[in-house]
C-alpha cells in the first residue's frame, strides 16, 4: 500500500463516520509513519480500499479502537476483535480481491 492511498482512505473514514473527527493531512501522514512496516508491505491499495469500504458499511463497529485498526480488521485475522499481524491476512481475502477485480472488468 502506498501513503497516498492510505491517507485518502483514512480521511474518507474520518469524514464519513458520524462520531469521528475529521483527520487532516498531517495527522494522516503521521499515522502512516507509525504504521507497522508489515502492513505497508502486505496490504495492497485494493485491500485497503476494500477494508475502508467494509468499515464504512459496518454496523456497531468498535468505537474504542483507532480508526485505521478498525478498518484493518477486515483484512487481517483478529484476536479479541483486533487485527493480529502475526496471524496474517484473512485466508478468504485472495478470493475476495479476485472477485472484486472480476466485477471491475465486467
N, C-alpha and C. Protein backbone atom coordinates (compact mmCIF):
# COMPACT_ATOMS: atom_id res chain seq x y z
N UNK A 1 0.86 -1.17 0.00
CA UNK A 1 0.00 0.00 0.00
C UNK A 1 0.90 1.23 0.00
N UNK A 2 0.47 2.25 -0.70
CA UNK A 2 1.26 3.48 -0.69
C UNK A 2 0.60 4.53 0.22
N UNK A 3 1.39 5.54 0.57
CA UNK A 3 0.93 6.55 1.51
C UNK A 3 -0.28 7.33 0.99
N UNK A 4 -0.30 7.61 -0.30
CA UNK A 4 -1.40 8.40 -0.85
C UNK A 4 -2.74 7.67 -0.67
N UNK A 5 -2.76 6.39 -0.99
CA UNK A 5 -3.99 5.61 -0.85
C UNK A 5 -4.39 5.49 0.62
N UNK A 6 -3.40 5.28 1.48
CA UNK A 6 -3.69 5.17 2.91
C UNK A 6 -4.32 6.46 3.43
N UNK A 7 -3.72 7.59 3.09
CA UNK A 7 -4.22 8.89 3.56
C UNK A 7 -5.62 9.16 3.03
N UNK A 8 -5.86 8.89 1.76
CA UNK A 8 -7.19 9.10 1.18
C UNK A 8 -8.23 8.24 1.90
N UNK A 9 -7.89 6.98 2.13
CA UNK A 9 -8.82 6.08 2.83
C UNK A 9 -9.09 6.52 4.25
N UNK A 10 -8.03 6.92 4.95
CA UNK A 10 -8.18 7.36 6.33
C UNK A 10 -9.04 8.62 6.42
N UNK A 11 -8.82 9.54 5.51
CA UNK A 11 -9.61 10.78 5.50
C UNK A 11 -11.06 10.49 5.11
N UNK A 12 -11.27 9.54 4.22
CA UNK A 12 -12.64 9.16 3.86
C UNK A 12 -13.36 8.58 5.07
N UNK A 13 -12.67 7.72 5.79
CA UNK A 13 -13.26 7.15 7.00
C UNK A 13 -13.63 8.24 8.00
N UNK A 14 -12.67 9.10 8.29
CA UNK A 14 -12.92 10.11 9.31
C UNK A 14 -13.99 11.12 8.88
N UNK A 15 -14.10 11.37 7.59
CA UNK A 15 -15.09 12.31 7.09
C UNK A 15 -16.50 11.75 7.00
N UNK A 16 -16.60 10.43 6.89
CA UNK A 16 -17.92 9.82 6.69
C UNK A 16 -18.54 9.23 7.95
N UNK A 17 -17.71 8.90 8.92
CA UNK A 17 -18.26 8.28 10.11
C UNK A 17 -18.89 9.33 11.02
N UNK A 18 -20.09 9.06 11.51
CA UNK A 18 -20.84 10.07 12.25
C UNK A 18 -20.19 10.54 13.55
N UNK A 19 -19.43 9.69 14.21
CA UNK A 19 -18.87 10.06 15.51
C UNK A 19 -17.39 10.43 15.42
N UNK A 20 -16.80 10.35 14.25
CA UNK A 20 -15.36 10.58 14.12
C UNK A 20 -15.02 12.04 13.85
N UNK A 21 -13.81 12.40 14.25
CA UNK A 21 -13.30 13.72 13.94
C UNK A 21 -12.62 13.63 12.58
N UNK A 22 -12.72 14.69 11.81
CA UNK A 22 -12.03 14.70 10.53
C UNK A 22 -10.53 14.75 10.77
N UNK A 23 -9.82 13.95 10.02
CA UNK A 23 -8.36 13.87 10.14
C UNK A 23 -7.74 14.75 9.05
N UNK A 24 -6.78 15.57 9.45
CA UNK A 24 -6.10 16.41 8.46
C UNK A 24 -4.92 15.65 7.85
N UNK A 25 -4.31 16.22 6.82
CA UNK A 25 -3.21 15.57 6.11
C UNK A 25 -2.05 15.24 7.03
N UNK A 26 -1.66 16.18 7.88
CA UNK A 26 -0.52 15.94 8.76
C UNK A 26 -0.77 14.76 9.70
N UNK A 27 -1.95 14.70 10.26
CA UNK A 27 -2.28 13.60 11.17
C UNK A 27 -2.27 12.27 10.42
N UNK A 28 -2.90 12.24 9.25
CA UNK A 28 -2.96 11.01 8.46
C UNK A 28 -1.56 10.55 8.06
N UNK A 29 -0.71 11.49 7.67
CA UNK A 29 0.64 11.13 7.28
C UNK A 29 1.45 10.64 8.48
N UNK A 30 1.21 11.21 9.65
CA UNK A 30 1.92 10.75 10.84
C UNK A 30 1.47 9.34 11.21
N UNK A 31 0.19 9.06 11.08
CA UNK A 31 -0.29 7.70 11.35
C UNK A 31 0.41 6.73 10.40
N UNK A 32 0.59 7.13 9.13
CA UNK A 32 1.32 6.30 8.17
C UNK A 32 2.73 6.00 8.68
N UNK A 33 3.39 7.01 9.23
CA UNK A 33 4.76 6.82 9.74
C UNK A 33 4.81 5.81 10.88
N UNK A 34 3.75 5.75 11.67
CA UNK A 34 3.72 4.84 12.81
C UNK A 34 3.18 3.46 12.44
N UNK A 35 2.67 3.32 11.24
CA UNK A 35 2.10 2.05 10.79
C UNK A 35 3.18 0.99 10.68
N UNK A 36 2.89 -0.19 11.15
CA UNK A 36 3.85 -1.29 11.08
C UNK A 36 4.24 -1.56 9.63
N UNK A 37 5.51 -1.76 9.38
CA UNK A 37 6.01 -2.00 8.02
C UNK A 37 5.35 -3.22 7.39
N UNK A 38 5.01 -4.20 8.18
CA UNK A 38 4.34 -5.40 7.66
C UNK A 38 3.04 -5.03 6.96
N UNK A 39 2.30 -4.10 7.55
CA UNK A 39 1.03 -3.67 6.94
C UNK A 39 1.31 -2.98 5.60
N UNK A 40 2.28 -2.10 5.58
CA UNK A 40 2.63 -1.39 4.35
C UNK A 40 3.04 -2.36 3.25
N UNK A 41 3.72 -3.45 3.64
CA UNK A 41 4.19 -4.43 2.66
C UNK A 41 3.10 -5.40 2.21
N UNK A 42 2.24 -5.82 3.12
CA UNK A 42 1.25 -6.87 2.83
C UNK A 42 -0.05 -6.35 2.24
N UNK A 43 -0.50 -5.22 2.71
CA UNK A 43 -1.82 -4.71 2.31
C UNK A 43 -1.67 -3.89 1.03
N UNK A 44 -2.35 -4.31 -0.02
CA UNK A 44 -2.31 -3.57 -1.28
C UNK A 44 -3.28 -2.39 -1.21
N UNK A 45 -3.17 -1.50 -2.18
CA UNK A 45 -4.11 -0.38 -2.26
C UNK A 45 -5.54 -0.89 -2.37
N UNK A 46 -5.73 -1.96 -3.14
CA UNK A 46 -7.07 -2.53 -3.32
C UNK A 46 -7.60 -3.11 -2.01
N UNK A 47 -6.73 -3.78 -1.27
CA UNK A 47 -7.15 -4.34 0.02
C UNK A 47 -7.55 -3.23 0.99
N UNK A 48 -6.78 -2.15 0.99
CA UNK A 48 -7.10 -1.02 1.87
C UNK A 48 -8.44 -0.41 1.49
N UNK A 49 -8.68 -0.24 0.19
CA UNK A 49 -9.97 0.30 -0.27
C UNK A 49 -11.10 -0.62 0.15
N UNK A 50 -10.90 -1.91 0.04
CA UNK A 50 -11.89 -2.89 0.47
C UNK A 50 -12.15 -2.75 1.98
N UNK A 51 -11.08 -2.66 2.77
CA UNK A 51 -11.20 -2.54 4.22
C UNK A 51 -11.95 -1.27 4.61
N UNK A 52 -11.62 -0.17 3.96
CA UNK A 52 -12.29 1.10 4.23
C UNK A 52 -13.78 0.98 3.89
N UNK A 53 -14.09 0.40 2.75
CA UNK A 53 -15.49 0.22 2.35
C UNK A 53 -16.26 -0.63 3.33
N UNK A 54 -15.63 -1.72 3.77
CA UNK A 54 -16.29 -2.59 4.75
C UNK A 54 -16.50 -1.87 6.08
N UNK A 55 -15.52 -1.09 6.48
CA UNK A 55 -15.62 -0.35 7.74
C UNK A 55 -16.73 0.70 7.66
N UNK A 56 -16.85 1.35 6.51
CA UNK A 56 -17.90 2.36 6.35
C UNK A 56 -19.30 1.75 6.41
N UNK A 57 -19.44 0.52 5.95
CA UNK A 57 -20.76 -0.10 5.91
C UNK A 57 -21.06 -0.92 7.17
N UNK A 58 -20.13 -0.97 8.08
CA UNK A 58 -20.26 -1.78 9.27
C UNK A 58 -21.23 -1.16 10.28
N UNK A 59 -22.08 -2.00 10.84
CA UNK A 59 -22.98 -1.55 11.90
C UNK A 59 -22.41 -1.99 13.24
N UNK A 60 -22.37 -1.09 14.18
CA UNK A 60 -21.86 -1.41 15.51
C UNK A 60 -20.37 -1.68 15.56
N UNK A 61 -19.55 -0.85 14.91
CA UNK A 61 -18.10 -1.07 14.94
C UNK A 61 -17.52 -0.71 16.31
N UNK A 62 -16.32 -1.19 16.58
CA UNK A 62 -15.69 -0.83 17.86
C UNK A 62 -15.34 0.66 17.89
N UNK A 63 -15.83 1.35 18.88
CA UNK A 63 -15.60 2.80 18.95
C UNK A 63 -14.35 3.16 19.74
N UNK A 64 -13.80 2.21 20.45
CA UNK A 64 -12.62 2.47 21.27
C UNK A 64 -11.32 2.08 20.55
N UNK A 65 -11.41 1.68 19.30
CA UNK A 65 -10.25 1.25 18.53
C UNK A 65 -9.86 2.35 17.55
N UNK A 66 -8.58 2.53 17.34
CA UNK A 66 -8.12 3.51 16.35
C UNK A 66 -8.77 3.21 15.00
N UNK A 67 -9.12 4.27 14.30
CA UNK A 67 -9.90 4.13 13.07
C UNK A 67 -9.21 3.26 12.02
N UNK A 68 -7.90 3.38 11.88
CA UNK A 68 -7.21 2.58 10.87
C UNK A 68 -7.17 1.10 11.28
N UNK A 69 -7.07 0.83 12.57
CA UNK A 69 -7.08 -0.56 13.03
C UNK A 69 -8.46 -1.18 12.87
N UNK A 70 -9.50 -0.37 13.07
CA UNK A 70 -10.85 -0.91 12.90
C UNK A 70 -11.10 -1.29 11.44
N UNK A 71 -10.48 -0.58 10.52
CA UNK A 71 -10.58 -0.96 9.10
C UNK A 71 -9.75 -2.20 8.80
N UNK A 72 -8.56 -2.26 9.37
CA UNK A 72 -7.66 -3.39 9.11
C UNK A 72 -8.21 -4.72 9.64
N UNK A 73 -9.20 -4.66 10.52
CA UNK A 73 -9.85 -5.90 11.00
C UNK A 73 -10.48 -6.67 9.85
N UNK A 74 -10.76 -5.97 8.76
CA UNK A 74 -11.42 -6.62 7.63
C UNK A 74 -10.45 -7.33 6.70
N UNK A 75 -9.16 -7.13 6.89
CA UNK A 75 -8.18 -7.82 6.05
C UNK A 75 -7.26 -8.75 6.85
N UNK A 76 -7.09 -8.49 8.14
CA UNK A 76 -6.25 -9.35 8.97
C UNK A 76 -7.10 -10.25 9.86
N UNK A 77 -6.56 -11.42 10.16
CA UNK A 77 -7.18 -12.27 11.16
C UNK A 77 -7.16 -11.51 12.48
N UNK A 78 -8.17 -11.74 13.29
CA UNK A 78 -8.31 -10.96 14.52
C UNK A 78 -8.17 -11.83 15.76
N UNK A 79 -7.69 -11.19 16.79
CA UNK A 79 -7.62 -11.79 18.12
C UNK A 79 -8.29 -10.81 19.08
N UNK A 80 -9.33 -11.26 19.74
CA UNK A 80 -10.10 -10.40 20.64
C UNK A 80 -10.59 -9.14 19.93
N UNK A 81 -10.99 -9.28 18.67
CA UNK A 81 -11.55 -8.18 17.91
C UNK A 81 -10.54 -7.23 17.29
N UNK A 82 -9.25 -7.47 17.51
CA UNK A 82 -8.22 -6.59 16.97
C UNK A 82 -7.39 -7.33 15.93
N UNK A 83 -6.94 -6.62 14.88
CA UNK A 83 -6.12 -7.29 13.88
C UNK A 83 -4.82 -7.79 14.51
N UNK A 84 -4.49 -9.04 14.21
CA UNK A 84 -3.27 -9.65 14.73
C UNK A 84 -2.33 -9.90 13.55
N UNK A 85 -1.31 -9.09 13.41
CA UNK A 85 -0.39 -9.19 12.28
C UNK A 85 0.33 -10.53 12.25
N UNK A 86 0.60 -11.10 13.42
CA UNK A 86 1.29 -12.39 13.47
C UNK A 86 0.43 -13.51 12.88
N UNK A 87 -0.87 -13.34 12.90
CA UNK A 87 -1.77 -14.35 12.36
C UNK A 87 -1.97 -14.17 10.85
N UNK A 88 -1.55 -13.05 10.32
CA UNK A 88 -1.58 -12.83 8.87
C UNK A 88 -2.92 -12.36 8.34
N UNK A 89 -2.93 -12.22 7.02
CA UNK A 89 -4.14 -11.79 6.31
C UNK A 89 -5.20 -12.88 6.35
N UNK A 90 -6.44 -12.49 6.25
CA UNK A 90 -7.53 -13.45 6.23
C UNK A 90 -7.39 -14.33 4.99
N UNK A 91 -7.56 -15.64 5.14
CA UNK A 91 -7.37 -16.55 4.01
C UNK A 91 -8.35 -16.30 2.86
N UNK A 92 -9.54 -15.84 3.15
CA UNK A 92 -10.54 -15.61 2.10
C UNK A 92 -10.29 -14.31 1.34
N UNK A 93 -9.32 -13.52 1.78
CA UNK A 93 -9.06 -12.22 1.17
C UNK A 93 -8.64 -12.34 -0.30
N UNK A 94 -7.85 -13.35 -0.62
CA UNK A 94 -7.42 -13.55 -2.01
C UNK A 94 -8.64 -13.76 -2.92
N UNK A 95 -9.58 -14.56 -2.48
CA UNK A 95 -10.79 -14.79 -3.26
C UNK A 95 -11.63 -13.52 -3.39
N UNK A 96 -11.72 -12.77 -2.32
CA UNK A 96 -12.50 -11.53 -2.34
C UNK A 96 -11.88 -10.53 -3.32
N UNK A 97 -10.57 -10.39 -3.28
CA UNK A 97 -9.89 -9.45 -4.17
C UNK A 97 -10.02 -9.90 -5.63
N UNK A 98 -9.97 -11.20 -5.88
CA UNK A 98 -10.16 -11.72 -7.24
C UNK A 98 -11.57 -11.41 -7.74
N UNK A 99 -12.55 -11.60 -6.87
CA UNK A 99 -13.94 -11.31 -7.23
C UNK A 99 -14.12 -9.82 -7.51
N UNK A 100 -13.48 -8.98 -6.71
CA UNK A 100 -13.57 -7.52 -6.92
C UNK A 100 -13.00 -7.14 -8.29
N UNK A 101 -11.86 -7.74 -8.65
CA UNK A 101 -11.24 -7.44 -9.95
C UNK A 101 -12.14 -7.91 -11.09
N UNK A 102 -12.79 -9.05 -10.91
CA UNK A 102 -13.69 -9.56 -11.95
C UNK A 102 -14.86 -8.62 -12.15
N UNK A 103 -15.39 -8.08 -11.05
CA UNK A 103 -16.52 -7.15 -11.13
C UNK A 103 -16.11 -5.86 -11.83
N UNK A 104 -14.89 -5.41 -11.58
CA UNK A 104 -14.41 -4.19 -12.23
C UNK A 104 -14.26 -4.39 -13.73
N UNK A 105 -13.90 -5.60 -14.13
CA UNK A 105 -13.70 -5.90 -15.54
C UNK A 105 -15.00 -6.14 -16.30
N UNK A 106 -16.08 -6.38 -15.56
CA UNK A 106 -17.38 -6.67 -16.22
C UNK A 106 -18.04 -5.44 -16.76
